């Protein structure tokens, strides 16, 4: 099974997407799709490797050309826009 998603930033371009299944201790690099230019989404894919069956939290983080990436704790601006954080998704993995 493959995981897939999209990443985007403020217009500098996504250069890396990484995924962690161990709380951020280790990260694996995803394969990036075509770079469609400034302000575009960038698709990513990665094979899902189940290390152990059961409930898990997957974490995904993108990095742009300036080296900027999401923090572990969310940053919101006062009106509530521009949410920026490492994304987390809970899954129940089968063996």
PDB file of N, CA and C in Angstrom:
ATOM      1  N   UNK A   1       0.845  -1.171   0.000  1.00  0.00           N
ATOM      2  CA  UNK A   1       0.000   0.000   0.000  1.00  0.00           C
ATOM      3  C   UNK A   1       0.892   1.237   0.000  1.00  0.00           C
ATOM      4  N   UNK A   2       0.486   2.247  -0.743  1.00  0.00           N
ATOM      5  CA  UNK A   2       1.225   3.506  -0.791  1.00  0.00           C
ATOM      6  C   UNK A   2       0.481   4.606  -0.053  1.00  0.00           C
ATOM      7  N   UNK A   3       1.212   5.408   0.664  1.00  0.00           N
ATOM      8  CA  UNK A   3       0.671   6.636   1.230  1.00  0.00           C
ATOM      9  C   UNK A   3       0.864   7.716   0.182  1.00  0.00           C
ATOM     10  N   UNK A   4      -0.021   8.685   0.153  1.00  0.00           N
ATOM     11  CA  UNK A   4       0.152   9.802  -0.773  1.00  0.00           C
ATOM     12  C   UNK A   4      -0.509  11.044  -0.209  1.00  0.00           C
ATOM     13  N   UNK A   5      -0.024  12.172  -0.655  1.00  0.00           N
ATOM     14  CA  UNK A   5      -0.565  13.425  -0.179  1.00  0.00           C
ATOM     15  C   UNK A   5      -0.063  14.572  -1.019  1.00  0.00           C
ATOM     16  N   UNK A   6      -0.340  15.783  -0.548  1.00  0.00           N
ATOM     17  CA  UNK A   6       0.128  16.989  -1.220  1.00  0.00           C
ATOM     18  C   UNK A   6       0.802  17.884  -0.196  1.00  0.00           C
ATOM     19  N   UNK A   7       1.760  18.652  -0.657  1.00  0.00           N
ATOM     20  CA  UNK A   7       2.459  19.616   0.196  1.00  0.00           C
ATOM     21  C   UNK A   7       2.476  20.951  -0.537  1.00  0.00           C
ATOM     22  N   UNK A   8       2.493  22.026   0.219  1.00  0.00           N
ATOM     23  CA  UNK A   8       2.564  23.358  -0.374  1.00  0.00           C
ATOM     24  C   UNK A   8       3.183  24.322   0.616  1.00  0.00           C
ATOM     25  N   UNK A   9       3.639  25.464   0.105  1.00  0.00           N
ATOM     26  CA  UNK A   9       4.232  26.481   0.974  1.00  0.00           C
ATOM     27  C   UNK A   9       3.828  27.860   0.462  1.00  0.00           C
ATOM     28  N   UNK A  10       4.534  28.872   0.879  1.00  0.00           N
ATOM     29  CA  UNK A  10       4.199  30.247   0.515  1.00  0.00           C
ATOM     30  C   UNK A  10       4.738  30.698  -0.828  1.00  0.00           C
ATOM     31  N   UNK A  11       5.156  29.800  -1.689  1.00  0.00           N
ATOM     32  CA  UNK A  11       5.582  30.173  -3.023  1.00  0.00           C
ATOM     33  C   UNK A  11       7.040  29.913  -3.347  1.00  0.00           C
ATOM     34  N   UNK A  12       7.785  29.311  -2.428  1.00  0.00           N
ATOM     35  CA  UNK A  12       9.202  29.047  -2.685  1.00  0.00           C
ATOM     36  C   UNK A  12       9.438  27.675  -3.300  1.00  0.00           C
ATOM     37  N   UNK A  13       8.507  26.760  -3.100  1.00  0.00           N
ATOM     38  CA  UNK A  13       8.596  25.424  -3.683  1.00  0.00           C
ATOM     39  C   UNK A  13       9.032  24.378  -2.682  1.00  0.00           C
ATOM     40  N   UNK A  14       8.373  23.245  -2.712  1.00  0.00           N
ATOM     41  CA  UNK A  14       8.669  22.126  -1.821  1.00  0.00           C
ATOM     42  C   UNK A  14       9.828  21.315  -2.386  1.00  0.00           C
ATOM     43  N   UNK A  15      10.821  21.043  -1.557  1.00  0.00           N
ATOM     44  CA  UNK A  15      11.980  20.251  -1.991  1.00  0.00           C
ATOM     45  C   UNK A  15      12.080  18.910  -1.287  1.00  0.00           C
ATOM     46  N   UNK A  16      11.323  18.731  -0.194  1.00  0.00           N
ATOM     47  CA  UNK A  16      11.400  17.468   0.535  1.00  0.00           C
ATOM     48  C   UNK A  16      10.128  17.258   1.350  1.00  0.00           C
ATOM     49  N   UNK A  17       9.674  16.004   1.400  1.00  0.00           N
ATOM     50  CA  UNK A  17       8.605  15.582   2.302  1.00  0.00           C
ATOM     51  C   UNK A  17       9.115  14.346   3.019  1.00  0.00           C
ATOM     52  N   UNK A  18       8.995  14.332   4.342  1.00  0.00           N
ATOM     53  CA  UNK A  18       9.460  13.196   5.143  1.00  0.00           C
ATOM     54  C   UNK A  18       8.327  12.705   6.037  1.00  0.00           C
ATOM     55  N   UNK A  19       8.388  11.413   6.400  1.00  0.00           N
ATOM     56  CA  UNK A  19       7.357  10.788   7.207  1.00  0.00           C
ATOM     57  C   UNK A  19       7.994  10.043   8.374  1.00  0.00           C
ATOM     58  N   UNK A  20       7.343  10.131   9.530  1.00  0.00           N
ATOM     59  CA  UNK A  20       7.800   9.402  10.720  1.00  0.00           C
ATOM     60  C   UNK A  20       6.639   8.584  11.275  1.00  0.00           C
ATOM     61  N   UNK A  21       6.937   7.368  11.719  1.00  0.00           N
ATOM     62  CA  UNK A  21       5.928   6.537  12.381  1.00  0.00           C
ATOM     63  C   UNK A  21       6.347   6.211  13.817  1.00  0.00           C
ATOM     64  N   UNK A  22       7.391   6.894  14.297  1.00  0.00           N
ATOM     65  CA  UNK A  22       7.876   6.632  15.663  1.00  0.00           C
ATOM     66  C   UNK A  22       7.962   7.911  16.503  1.00  0.00           C
ATOM     67  N   UNK A  23       7.016   8.802  16.291  1.00  0.00           N
ATOM     68  CA  UNK A  23       6.976  10.022  17.102  1.00  0.00           C
ATOM     69  C   UNK A  23       8.017  11.061  16.747  1.00  0.00           C
ATOM     70  N   UNK A  24       8.588  10.973  15.545  1.00  0.00           N
ATOM     71  CA  UNK A  24       9.572  11.955  15.108  1.00  0.00           C
ATOM     72  C   UNK A  24      11.006  11.592  15.415  1.00  0.00           C
ATOM     73  N   UNK A  25      11.253  10.383  15.929  1.00  0.00           N
ATOM     74  CA  UNK A  25      12.635   9.964  16.196  1.00  0.00           C
ATOM     75  C   UNK A  25      13.404   9.737  14.905  1.00  0.00           C
ATOM     76  N   UNK A  26      12.740   9.089  13.941  1.00  0.00           N
ATOM     77  CA  UNK A  26      13.356   8.861  12.625  1.00  0.00           C
ATOM     78  C   UNK A  26      12.389   9.306  11.542  1.00  0.00           C
ATOM     79  N   UNK A  27      12.944   9.704  10.404  1.00  0.00           N
ATOM     80  CA  UNK A  27      12.154  10.198   9.280  1.00  0.00           C
ATOM     81  C   UNK A  27      12.608   9.499   8.004  1.00  0.00           C
ATOM     82  N   UNK A  28      11.640   9.177   7.132  1.00  0.00           N
ATOM     83  CA  UNK A  28      11.928   8.591   5.818  1.00  0.00           C
ATOM     84  C   UNK A  28      11.459   9.560   4.743  1.00  0.00           C
ATOM     85  N   UNK A  29      12.225   9.665   3.679  1.00  0.00           N
ATOM     86  CA  UNK A  29      11.922  10.617   2.611  1.00  0.00           C
ATOM     87  C   UNK A  29      10.919  10.041   1.628  1.00  0.00           C
ATOM     88  N   UNK A  30       9.928  10.837   1.270  1.00  0.00           N
ATOM     89  CA  UNK A  30       8.916  10.456   0.284  1.00  0.00           C
ATOM     90  C   UNK A  30       9.400  10.815  -1.118  1.00  0.00           C
ATOM     91  N   UNK A  31       8.826  10.160  -2.110  1.00  0.00           N
ATOM     92  CA  UNK A  31       9.086  10.498  -3.509  1.00  0.00           C
ATOM     93  C   UNK A  31       8.190  11.673  -3.882  1.00  0.00           C
ATOM     94  N   UNK A  32       8.779  12.691  -4.501  1.00  0.00           N
ATOM     95  CA  UNK A  32       8.020  13.877  -4.890  1.00  0.00           C
ATOM     96  C   UNK A  32       7.558  13.787  -6.328  1.00  0.00           C
ATOM     97  N   UNK A  33       6.361  14.322  -6.583  1.00  0.00           N
ATOM     98  CA  UNK A  33       5.839  14.433  -7.934  1.00  0.00           C
ATOM     99  C   UNK A  33       6.407  15.661  -8.618  1.00  0.00           C
ATOM    100  N   UNK A  34       5.868  15.975  -9.757  1.00  0.00           N
ATOM    101  CA  UNK A  34       6.317  17.092 -10.582  1.00  0.00           C
ATOM    102  C   UNK A  34       6.208  18.423  -9.831  1.00  0.00           C
ATOM    103  N   UNK A  35       7.213  19.254 -10.003  1.00  0.00           N
ATOM    104  CA  UNK A  35       7.183  20.617  -9.468  1.00  0.00           C
ATOM    105  C   UNK A  35       6.479  21.484 -10.501  1.00  0.00           C
ATOM    106  N   UNK A  36       5.246  21.900 -10.195  1.00  0.00           N
ATOM    107  CA  UNK A  36       4.431  22.672 -11.148  1.00  0.00           C
ATOM    108  C   UNK A  36       4.624  24.178 -10.996  1.00  0.00           C
ATOM    109  N   UNK A  37       5.605  24.611 -10.198  1.00  0.00           N
ATOM    110  CA  UNK A  37       5.916  26.027 -10.102  1.00  0.00           C
ATOM    111  C   UNK A  37       5.399  26.686  -8.837  1.00  0.00           C
ATOM    112  N   UNK A  38       5.647  27.990  -8.792  1.00  0.00           N
ATOM    113  CA  UNK A  38       5.317  28.822  -7.641  1.00  0.00           C
ATOM    114  C   UNK A  38       3.848  28.688  -7.225  1.00  0.00           C
ATOM    115  N   UNK A  39       3.614  28.550  -5.938  1.00  0.00           N
ATOM    116  CA  UNK A  39       2.292  28.454  -5.309  1.00  0.00           C
ATOM    117  C   UNK A  39       1.511  27.198  -5.662  1.00  0.00           C
ATOM    118  N   UNK A  40       2.139  26.215  -6.280  1.00  0.00           N
ATOM    119  CA  UNK A  40       1.415  24.993  -6.646  1.00  0.00           C
ATOM    120  C   UNK A  40       1.572  23.933  -5.557  1.00  0.00           C
ATOM    121  N   UNK A  41       0.647  22.989  -5.539  1.00  0.00           N
ATOM    122  CA  UNK A  41       0.758  21.827  -4.672  1.00  0.00           C
ATOM    123  C   UNK A  41       1.804  20.895  -5.262  1.00  0.00           C
ATOM    124  N   UNK A  42       2.478  20.135  -4.411  1.00  0.00           N
ATOM    125  CA  UNK A  42       3.433  19.137  -4.875  1.00  0.00           C
ATOM    126  C   UNK A  42       3.015  17.788  -4.304  1.00  0.00           C
ATOM    127  N   UNK A  43       2.701  16.855  -5.180  1.00  0.00           N
ATOM    128  CA  UNK A  43       2.294  15.536  -4.734  1.00  0.00           C
ATOM    129  C   UNK A  43       3.491  14.763  -4.181  1.00  0.00           C
ATOM    130  N   UNK A  44       3.214  13.856  -3.253  1.00  0.00           N
ATOM    131  CA  UNK A  44       4.246  12.965  -2.719  1.00  0.00           C
ATOM    132  C   UNK A  44       3.650  11.581  -2.515  1.00  0.00           C
ATOM    133  N   UNK A  45       4.512  10.558  -2.568  1.00  0.00           N
ATOM    134  CA  UNK A  45       4.097   9.182  -2.318  1.00  0.00           C
ATOM    135  C   UNK A  45       5.179   8.463  -1.528  1.00  0.00           C
ATOM    136  N   UNK A  46       4.751   7.431  -0.806  1.00  0.00           N
ATOM    137  CA  UNK A  46       5.691   6.620  -0.048  1.00  0.00           C
ATOM    138  C   UNK A  46       5.038   5.272   0.247  1.00  0.00           C
ATOM    139  N   UNK A  47       5.768   4.174   0.050  1.00  0.00           N
ATOM    140  CA  UNK A  47       5.214   2.874   0.443  1.00  0.00           C
ATOM    141  C   UNK A  47       5.022   2.822   1.957  1.00  0.00           C
ATOM    142  N   UNK A  48       3.902   2.283   2.390  1.00  0.00           N
ATOM    143  CA  UNK A  48       3.643   2.126   3.820  1.00  0.00           C
ATOM    144  C   UNK A  48       4.306   0.852   4.296  1.00  0.00           C
ATOM    145  N   UNK A  49       5.212   0.977   5.255  1.00  0.00           N
ATOM    146  CA  UNK A  49       5.871  -0.166   5.894  1.00  0.00           C
ATOM    147  C   UNK A  49       5.348  -0.270   7.314  1.00  0.00           C
ATOM    148  N   UNK A  50       4.642  -1.333   7.601  1.00  0.00           N
ATOM    149  CA  UNK A  50       4.099  -1.529   8.943  1.00  0.00           C
ATOM    150  C   UNK A  50       5.143  -2.248   9.786  1.00  0.00           C
ATOM    151  N   UNK A  51       5.706  -1.540  10.757  1.00  0.00           N
ATOM    152  CA  UNK A  51       6.716  -2.119  11.651  1.00  0.00           C
ATOM    153  C   UNK A  51       6.060  -3.010  12.694  1.00  0.00           C
ATOM    154  N   UNK A  52       4.898  -2.580  13.175  1.00  0.00           N
ATOM    155  CA  UNK A  52       4.145  -3.361  14.161  1.00  0.00           C
ATOM    156  C   UNK A  52       2.661  -3.087  13.946  1.00  0.00           C
ATOM    157  N   UNK A  53       1.832  -4.113  14.028  1.00  0.00           N
ATOM    158  CA  UNK A  53       0.395  -3.900  13.850  1.00  0.00           C
ATOM    159  C   UNK A  53      -0.201  -3.128  15.021  1.00  0.00           C
ATOM    160  N   UNK A  54      -1.344  -2.500  14.769  1.00  0.00           N
ATOM    161  CA  UNK A  54      -2.059  -1.780  15.816  1.00  0.00           C
ATOM    162  C   UNK A  54      -2.105  -0.285  15.564  1.00  0.00           C
ATOM    163  N   UNK A  55      -2.548   0.446  16.571  1.00  0.00           N
ATOM    164  CA  UNK A  55      -2.705   1.899  16.476  1.00  0.00           C
ATOM    165  C   UNK A  55      -1.342   2.576  16.369  1.00  0.00           C
ATOM    166  N   UNK A  56      -1.239   3.505  15.428  1.00  0.00           N
ATOM    167  CA  UNK A  56      -0.008   4.267  15.210  1.00  0.00           C
ATOM    168  C   UNK A  56      -0.366   5.688  14.793  1.00  0.00           C
ATOM    169  N   UNK A  57       0.575   6.581  14.966  1.00  0.00           N
ATOM    170  CA  UNK A  57       0.421   7.946  14.483  1.00  0.00           C
ATOM    171  C   UNK A  57       1.509   8.205  13.458  1.00  0.00           C
ATOM    172  N   UNK A  58       1.094   8.576  12.251  1.00  0.00           N
ATOM    173  CA  UNK A  58       2.032   8.952  11.201  1.00  0.00           C
ATOM    174  C   UNK A  58       2.190  10.464  11.217  1.00  0.00           C
ATOM    175  N   UNK A  59       3.418  10.929  11.052  1.00  0.00           N
ATOM    176  CA  UNK A  59       3.709  12.358  11.041  1.00  0.00           C
ATOM    177  C   UNK A  59       4.351  12.700   9.700  1.00  0.00           C
ATOM    178  N   UNK A  60       3.901  13.802   9.086  1.00  0.00           N
ATOM    179  CA  UNK A  60       4.417  14.212   7.780  1.00  0.00           C
ATOM    180  C   UNK A  60       4.864  15.661   7.858  1.00  0.00           C
ATOM    181  N   UNK A  61       6.051  15.912   7.293  1.00  0.00           N
ATOM    182  CA  UNK A  61       6.649  17.251   7.342  1.00  0.00           C
ATOM    183  C   UNK A  61       7.242  17.581   5.976  1.00  0.00           C
ATOM    184  N   UNK A  62       7.010  18.790   5.492  1.00  0.00           N
ATOM    185  CA  UNK A  62       7.558  19.242   4.216  1.00  0.00           C
ATOM    186  C   UNK A  62       8.579  20.349   4.451  1.00  0.00           C
ATOM    187  N   UNK A  63       9.545  20.447   3.534  1.00  0.00           N
ATOM    188  CA  UNK A  63      10.567  21.489   3.587  1.00  0.00           C
ATOM    189  C   UNK A  63      10.592  22.216   2.247  1.00  0.00           C
ATOM    190  N   UNK A  64      10.735  23.548   2.302  1.00  0.00           N
ATOM    191  CA  UNK A  64      10.771  24.311   1.048  1.00  0.00           C
ATOM    192  C   UNK A  64      12.207  24.673   0.660  1.00  0.00           C
ATOM    193  N   UNK A  65      12.354  25.391  -0.457  1.00  0.00           N
ATOM    194  CA  UNK A  65      13.680  25.747  -0.980  1.00  0.00           C
ATOM    195  C   UNK A  65      14.512  26.606  -0.033  1.00  0.00           C
ATOM    196  N   UNK A  66      13.849  27.291   0.894  1.00  0.00           N
ATOM    197  CA  UNK A  66      14.566  28.127   1.869  1.00  0.00           C
ATOM    198  C   UNK A  66      14.996  27.327   3.090  1.00  0.00           C
ATOM    199  N   UNK A  67      14.614  26.039   3.147  1.00  0.00           N
ATOM    200  CA  UNK A  67      14.935  25.217   4.307  1.00  0.00           C
ATOM    201  C   UNK A  67      13.908  25.314   5.418  1.00  0.00           C
ATOM    202  N   UNK A  68      12.788  25.977   5.162  1.00  0.00           N
ATOM    203  CA  UNK A  68      11.739  26.119   6.167  1.00  0.00           C
ATOM    204  C   UNK A  68      10.855  24.880   6.169  1.00  0.00           C
ATOM    205  N   UNK A  69      10.486  24.424   7.374  1.00  0.00           N
ATOM    206  CA  UNK A  69       9.546  23.312   7.496  1.00  0.00           C
ATOM    207  C   UNK A  69       8.632  23.567   8.686  1.00  0.00           C
ATOM    208  N   UNK A  70       7.633  22.718   8.819  1.00  0.00           N
ATOM    209  CA  UNK A  70       6.655  22.916   9.879  1.00  0.00           C
ATOM    210  C   UNK A  70       7.241  22.586  11.252  1.00  0.00           C
ATOM    211  N   UNK A  71       6.806  23.329  12.271  1.00  0.00           N
ATOM    212  CA  UNK A  71       7.208  23.012  13.650  1.00  0.00           C
ATOM    213  C   UNK A  71       6.337  21.877  14.201  1.00  0.00           C
ATOM    214  N   UNK A  72       6.757  21.288  15.297  1.00  0.00           N
ATOM    215  CA  UNK A  72       5.973  20.232  15.943  1.00  0.00           C
ATOM    216  C   UNK A  72       4.714  20.790  16.611  1.00  0.00           C
ATOM    217  N   UNK A  73       4.791  22.014  17.131  1.00  0.00           N
ATOM    218  CA  UNK A  73       3.640  22.665  17.756  1.00  0.00           C
ATOM    219  C   UNK A  73       3.051  23.668  16.774  1.00  0.00           C
ATOM    220  N   UNK A  74       1.708  23.728  16.657  1.00  0.00           N
ATOM    221  CA  UNK A  74       1.090  24.606  15.660  1.00  0.00           C
ATOM    222  C   UNK A  74       1.344  26.085  15.920  1.00  0.00           C
ATOM    223  N   UNK A  75       1.544  26.806  14.832  1.00  0.00           N
ATOM    224  CA  UNK A  75       1.648  28.269  14.865  1.00  0.00           C
ATOM    225  C   UNK A  75       0.440  28.827  14.125  1.00  0.00           C
ATOM    226  N   UNK A  76      -0.360  29.625  14.802  1.00  0.00           N
ATOM    227  CA  UNK A  76      -1.530  30.254  14.191  1.00  0.00           C
ATOM    228  C   UNK A  76      -1.322  31.757  14.251  1.00  0.00           C
ATOM    229  N   UNK A  77      -1.773  32.454  13.238  1.00  0.00           N
ATOM    230  CA  UNK A  77      -1.761  33.902  13.352  1.00  0.00           C
ATOM    231  C   UNK A  77      -3.066  34.336  14.032  1.00  0.00           C
ATOM    232  N   UNK A  78      -3.173  35.577  14.511  1.00  0.00           N
ATOM    233  CA  UNK A  78      -4.344  35.993  15.297  1.00  0.00           C
ATOM    234  C   UNK A  78      -5.705  35.720  14.645  1.00  0.00           C
ATOM    235  N   UNK A  79      -5.902  35.927  13.310  1.00  0.00           N
ATOM    236  CA  UNK A  79      -7.232  35.639  12.761  1.00  0.00           C
ATOM    237  C   UNK A  79      -7.501  34.142  12.565  1.00  0.00           C
ATOM    238  N   UNK A  80      -6.503  33.276  12.796  1.00  0.00           N
ATOM    239  CA  UNK A  80      -6.722  31.843  12.666  1.00  0.00           C
ATOM    240  C   UNK A  80      -6.339  31.267  11.323  1.00  0.00           C
ATOM    241  N   UNK A  81      -5.699  32.059  10.490  1.00  0.00           N
ATOM    242  CA  UNK A  81      -5.252  31.584   9.184  1.00  0.00           C
ATOM    243  C   UNK A  81      -3.788  31.151   9.268  1.00  0.00           C
ATOM    244  N   UNK A  82      -3.317  30.550   8.209  1.00  0.00           N
ATOM    245  CA  UNK A  82      -1.911  30.186   8.068  1.00  0.00           C
ATOM    246  C   UNK A  82      -1.458  29.190   9.130  1.00  0.00           C
ATOM    247  N   UNK A  83      -2.282  28.202   9.396  1.00  0.00           N
ATOM    248  CA  UNK A  83      -1.913  27.137  10.329  1.00  0.00           C
ATOM    249  C   UNK A  83      -0.671  26.444   9.796  1.00  0.00           C
ATOM    250  N   UNK A  84       0.313  26.242  10.644  1.00  0.00           N
ATOM    251  CA  UNK A  84       1.580  25.649  10.235  1.00  0.00           C
ATOM    252  C   UNK A  84       2.026  24.682  11.315  1.00  0.00           C
ATOM    253  N   UNK A  85       2.050  23.374  10.966  1.00  0.00           N
ATOM    254  CA  UNK A  85       2.419  22.352  11.947  1.00  0.00           C
ATOM    255  C   UNK A  85       2.725  21.040  11.215  1.00  0.00           C
ATOM    256  N   UNK A  86       3.540  20.191  11.818  1.00  0.00           N
ATOM    257  CA  UNK A  86       3.752  18.840  11.311  1.00  0.00           C
ATOM    258  C   UNK A  86       2.399  18.133  11.382  1.00  0.00           C
ATOM    259  N   UNK A  87       1.940  17.600  10.256  1.00  0.00           N
ATOM    260  CA  UNK A  87       0.640  16.928  10.208  1.00  0.00           C
ATOM    261  C   UNK A  87       0.734  15.549  10.841  1.00  0.00           C
ATOM    262  N   UNK A  88      -0.319  15.161  11.570  1.00  0.00           N
ATOM    263  CA  UNK A  88      -0.359  13.848  12.214  1.00  0.00           C
ATOM    264  C   UNK A  88      -1.667  13.154  11.858  1.00  0.00           C
ATOM    265  N   UNK A  89      -1.564  11.856  11.524  1.00  0.00           N
ATOM    266  CA  UNK A  89      -2.724  11.056  11.171  1.00  0.00           C
ATOM    267  C   UNK A  89      -2.652   9.751  11.956  1.00  0.00           C
ATOM    268  N   UNK A  90      -3.733   9.406  12.625  1.00  0.00           N
ATOM    269  CA  UNK A  90      -3.791   8.142  13.368  1.00  0.00           C
ATOM    270  C   UNK A  90      -4.316   7.043  12.451  1.00  0.00           C
ATOM    271  N   UNK A  91      -3.639   5.877  12.485  1.00  0.00           N
ATOM    272  CA  UNK A  91      -4.065   4.739  11.691  1.00  0.00           C
ATOM    273  C   UNK A  91      -4.108   3.490  12.575  1.00  0.00           C
ATOM    274  N   UNK A  92      -4.812   2.476  12.106  1.00  0.00           N
ATOM    275  CA  UNK A  92      -4.804   1.173  12.762  1.00  0.00           C
ATOM    276  C   UNK A  92      -4.233   0.208  11.743  1.00  0.00           C
ATOM    277  N   UNK A  93      -2.982  -0.157  11.882  1.00  0.00           N
ATOM    278  CA  UNK A  93      -2.266  -0.951  10.886  1.00  0.00           C
ATOM    279  C   UNK A  93      -2.443  -2.442  11.124  1.00  0.00           C
ATOM    280  N   UNK A  94      -2.685  -3.147  10.024  1.00  0.00           N
ATOM    281  CA  UNK A  94      -2.776  -4.611  10.077  1.00  0.00           C
ATOM    282  C   UNK A  94      -1.409  -5.198   9.743  1.00  0.00           C
ATOM    283  N   UNK A  95      -1.152  -6.372  10.224  1.00  0.00           N
ATOM    284  CA  UNK A  95       0.130  -7.043   9.955  1.00  0.00           C
ATOM    285  C   UNK A  95       0.212  -7.498   8.516  1.00  0.00           C
TER     286      UNK A  95
END
